[in-house]
Amino acid sequence: MKTNLLLPLLTLLLMSASGIVRAEKADTEKPTRIEAEQMVYDDVKQVKTFTGNVVLTRGTLLIKAGKVVLTTDPAGYEFAILYAAPGQLASFRQKRDGGPNLWIEGQAERIEYSEKTEISKLFTRAHMQRMDGARITDEVNGEFISYDSRAEFYSVNNTNTGESKPGGGRITAIIQPRVEPSKGP
């Protein structure tokens, strides 16, 4: 039976316009710390609910939300839902493997992740970006972002139902030009 509380959200931190990007592997071996104003744990239903300025940290991973609900199915897989506080967005930030200062960030009114299917979904005012230090290298915006880590596929849609509709608005993707390393004299 699986027991990782944060594993559902670690895969959420995978995104790339030019291939798969993995969250820092070392984070999976770090303890998870969750701070909130309240926690309710239903052992029979396997539901853990954290409310009130929730701050979750695990290694370089930082998650902020108004409410976080973690549900464990009978096989031990976790399903996580992050809800934004009123007027705000739920967010995450984590260092990526592959370089000394690579990061990924995301935010939305609601973020869901299924450990069983390895699919992450960001709903309403969704935004994800990859960074090299403070420089944004790639970013996407839309009402819905879905990422399937098994298929290494993500999509951005103009409605929060997960389908694009005419007149539903526009999505935005910004892919910065590749910066060549500086050559010495």
Protein backbone atom coordinates (compact mmCIF):
# COMPACT_ATOMS: atom_id res chain seq x y z
CA MET A 1 0.00 0.00 0.00
CA LYS A 2 1.40 3.41 -0.95
CA THR A 3 1.76 6.04 1.75
CA ASN A 4 3.31 9.12 0.14
CA LEU A 5 1.20 12.20 0.86
CA LEU A 6 2.93 14.40 -1.69
CA LEU A 7 3.61 12.01 -4.51
CA PRO A 8 0.31 13.02 -6.15
CA LEU A 9 1.50 16.59 -6.46
CA LEU A 10 5.05 15.83 -7.52
CA THR A 11 3.95 14.66 -10.95
CA LEU A 12 1.90 17.84 -11.27
CA LEU A 13 5.20 19.62 -11.52
CA LEU A 14 6.03 18.05 -14.87
CA MET A 15 5.71 20.27 -17.92
CA SER A 16 7.66 21.02 -21.01
CA ALA A 17 7.13 22.53 -24.41
CA SER A 18 10.11 20.57 -25.75
CA GLY A 19 9.99 17.29 -23.81
CA ILE A 20 9.44 15.91 -20.34
CA VAL A 21 10.72 17.83 -17.33
CA ARG A 22 10.93 16.07 -14.00
CA ALA A 23 10.62 17.55 -10.55
CA GLU A 24 13.69 17.23 -8.41
CA LYS A 25 14.02 13.51 -7.60
CA ALA A 26 15.57 14.21 -4.20
CA ASP A 27 12.27 15.71 -2.99
CA THR A 28 10.62 12.27 -2.96
CA GLU A 29 12.90 11.26 -0.09
CA LYS A 30 12.17 14.34 2.04
CA PRO A 31 9.58 14.57 4.83
CA THR A 32 6.32 16.37 4.11
CA ARG A 33 5.32 19.27 6.35
CA ILE A 34 1.76 20.61 6.20
CA GLU A 35 0.69 23.73 8.07
CA ALA A 36 -2.96 24.80 8.22
CA GLU A 37 -5.50 26.31 10.55
CA GLN A 38 -7.39 23.01 10.74
CA MET A 39 -7.06 19.34 9.80
CA VAL A 40 -9.84 16.77 9.65
CA TYR A 41 -8.91 13.12 9.12
CA ASP A 42 -11.55 10.49 8.34
CA ASP A 43 -9.71 7.18 8.78
CA VAL A 44 -12.67 5.10 7.57
CA LYS A 45 -13.04 7.04 4.29
CA GLN A 46 -9.27 7.72 4.04
CA VAL A 47 -9.80 11.47 3.55
CA LYS A 48 -7.46 14.12 4.99
CA THR A 49 -8.70 17.73 4.74
CA PHE A 50 -6.48 20.70 5.56
CA THR A 51 -8.10 24.15 5.63
CA GLY A 52 -7.08 27.74 6.28
CA ASN A 53 -3.92 29.12 4.69
CA VAL A 54 -2.49 25.67 3.88
CA VAL A 55 1.27 25.61 3.29
CA LEU A 56 2.78 22.30 2.28
CA THR A 57 6.53 21.80 1.87
CA ARG A 58 8.60 18.80 0.82
CA GLY A 59 12.19 19.51 -0.10
CA THR A 60 12.06 22.23 -2.77
CA LEU A 61 8.30 21.77 -3.30
CA LEU A 62 6.12 24.58 -1.92
CA ILE A 63 2.32 24.44 -2.20
CA LYS A 64 -0.08 27.14 -1.01
CA ALA A 65 -3.87 26.80 -1.01
CA GLY A 66 -6.94 27.71 0.98
CA LYS A 67 -7.86 24.03 1.28
CA VAL A 68 -6.20 20.70 0.41
CA VAL A 69 -8.12 17.40 0.32
CA LEU A 70 -6.14 14.13 0.08
CA THR A 71 -8.10 10.91 -0.53
CA THR A 72 -6.55 7.43 -0.53
CA ASP A 73 -8.26 4.62 -2.46
CA PRO A 74 -8.26 0.97 -1.24
CA ALA A 75 -5.17 0.21 -3.37
CA GLY A 76 -3.26 3.05 -1.69
CA TYR A 77 -3.31 5.55 -4.55
CA GLU A 78 -3.86 9.18 -3.61
CA PHE A 79 -6.08 11.77 -5.21
CA ALA A 80 -5.35 15.38 -4.28
CA ILE A 81 -7.44 18.52 -4.76
CA LEU A 82 -6.08 21.99 -3.99
CA TYR A 83 -8.62 24.79 -3.66
CA ALA A 84 -7.75 28.48 -3.77
CA ALA A 85 -8.79 30.78 -0.94
CA PRO A 86 -11.47 33.30 -1.99
CA GLY A 87 -10.01 35.85 -4.42
CA GLN A 88 -6.69 33.99 -4.69
CA LEU A 89 -5.14 31.07 -6.60
CA ALA A 90 -3.78 27.75 -5.33
CA SER A 91 -0.11 27.51 -6.31
CA PHE A 92 2.97 25.33 -6.37
CA ARG A 93 6.67 25.88 -7.00
CA GLN A 94 9.40 23.25 -7.24
CA LYS A 95 12.99 22.91 -8.39
CA ARG A 96 13.47 20.73 -11.49
CA ASP A 97 16.25 18.27 -12.21
CA GLY A 98 18.59 19.11 -15.05
CA GLY A 99 20.33 22.25 -13.87
CA PRO A 100 21.35 24.23 -10.80
CA ASN A 101 18.52 26.78 -10.86
CA LEU A 102 15.63 25.31 -12.89
CA TRP A 103 12.09 25.75 -11.49
CA ILE A 104 8.47 25.08 -12.40
CA GLU A 105 5.48 27.01 -11.05
CA GLY A 106 1.75 26.70 -11.50
CA GLN A 107 -1.44 28.24 -10.22
CA ALA A 108 -5.20 27.92 -10.67
CA GLU A 109 -8.41 28.21 -8.70
CA ARG A 110 -8.46 24.39 -8.39
CA ILE A 111 -5.72 21.83 -9.01
CA GLU A 112 -6.40 18.07 -9.09
CA TYR A 113 -4.01 15.13 -9.34
CA SER A 114 -4.66 11.38 -9.55
CA GLU A 115 -1.70 9.22 -8.57
CA LYS A 116 -3.37 6.20 -10.20
CA THR A 117 -3.74 7.79 -13.66
CA GLU A 118 -0.84 10.24 -13.24
CA ILE A 119 -2.98 13.02 -14.69
CA SER A 120 -2.84 16.58 -13.33
CA LYS A 121 -5.58 19.12 -14.03
CA LEU A 122 -5.55 22.88 -13.38
CA PHE A 123 -8.97 24.56 -13.51
CA THR A 124 -9.93 28.23 -13.99
CA ARG A 125 -7.31 30.95 -14.46
CA ALA A 126 -4.71 28.19 -14.96
CA HIS A 127 -1.08 29.14 -15.48
CA MET A 128 2.15 27.10 -15.61
CA GLN A 129 5.70 28.29 -16.28
CA ARG A 130 9.21 26.90 -16.41
CA MET A 131 12.07 29.09 -15.24
CA ASP A 132 15.84 29.20 -15.34
CA GLY A 133 16.55 31.27 -12.25
CA ALA A 134 14.28 34.31 -12.54
CA ARG A 135 14.06 34.04 -16.36
CA ILE A 136 10.82 32.48 -17.61
CA THR A 137 11.65 30.00 -20.38
CA ASP A 138 8.15 28.71 -21.25
CA GLU A 139 4.64 29.48 -20.01
CA VAL A 140 1.04 28.57 -20.79
CA ASN A 141 -2.25 30.16 -19.73
CA GLY A 142 -5.83 29.02 -20.15
CA GLU A 143 -8.97 28.10 -18.29
CA PHE A 144 -7.89 24.44 -18.16
CA ILE A 145 -4.49 22.73 -18.32
CA SER A 146 -4.21 18.92 -18.31
CA TYR A 147 -0.96 16.97 -18.08
CA ASP A 148 -0.67 13.20 -18.53
CA SER A 149 2.77 12.19 -17.29
CA ARG A 150 2.53 8.62 -18.66
CA ALA A 151 1.93 9.82 -22.21
CA GLU A 152 4.14 12.91 -21.72
CA PHE A 153 1.30 15.00 -23.12
CA TYR A 154 -0.40 18.19 -22.01
CA SER A 155 -3.17 20.35 -23.39
CA VAL A 156 -4.50 23.83 -22.69
CA ASN A 157 -8.16 24.66 -23.31
CA ASN A 158 -10.26 27.83 -23.33
CA THR A 159 -12.98 26.59 -20.93
CA ASN A 160 -12.64 25.04 -17.48
CA THR A 161 -14.58 21.95 -18.62
CA GLY A 162 -11.49 20.65 -20.40
CA GLU A 163 -12.78 21.23 -23.92
CA SER A 164 -12.24 24.20 -26.17
CA LYS A 165 -15.33 25.95 -27.48
CA PRO A 166 -15.69 28.68 -30.11
CA GLY A 167 -16.07 32.02 -28.35
CA GLY A 168 -14.81 30.54 -25.08
CA GLY A 169 -11.71 32.71 -25.01
CA ARG A 170 -8.14 32.15 -26.04
CA ILE A 171 -5.20 30.28 -24.58
CA THR A 172 -1.68 31.66 -24.58
CA ALA A 173 1.62 29.84 -24.93
CA ILE A 174 4.92 31.70 -24.79
CA ILE A 175 8.07 29.80 -25.68
CA GLN A 176 11.24 31.82 -25.27
CA PRO A 177 14.13 31.40 -27.72
CA ARG A 178 16.85 29.07 -26.62
CA VAL A 179 19.73 30.92 -24.98
CA GLU A 180 23.12 29.64 -26.07
CA PRO A 181 25.78 29.38 -23.35
CA SER A 182 28.34 32.17 -23.38
CA LYS A 183 31.60 31.30 -25.10
CA GLY A 184 34.81 32.31 -23.39
CA PRO A 185 37.50 34.51 -25.03
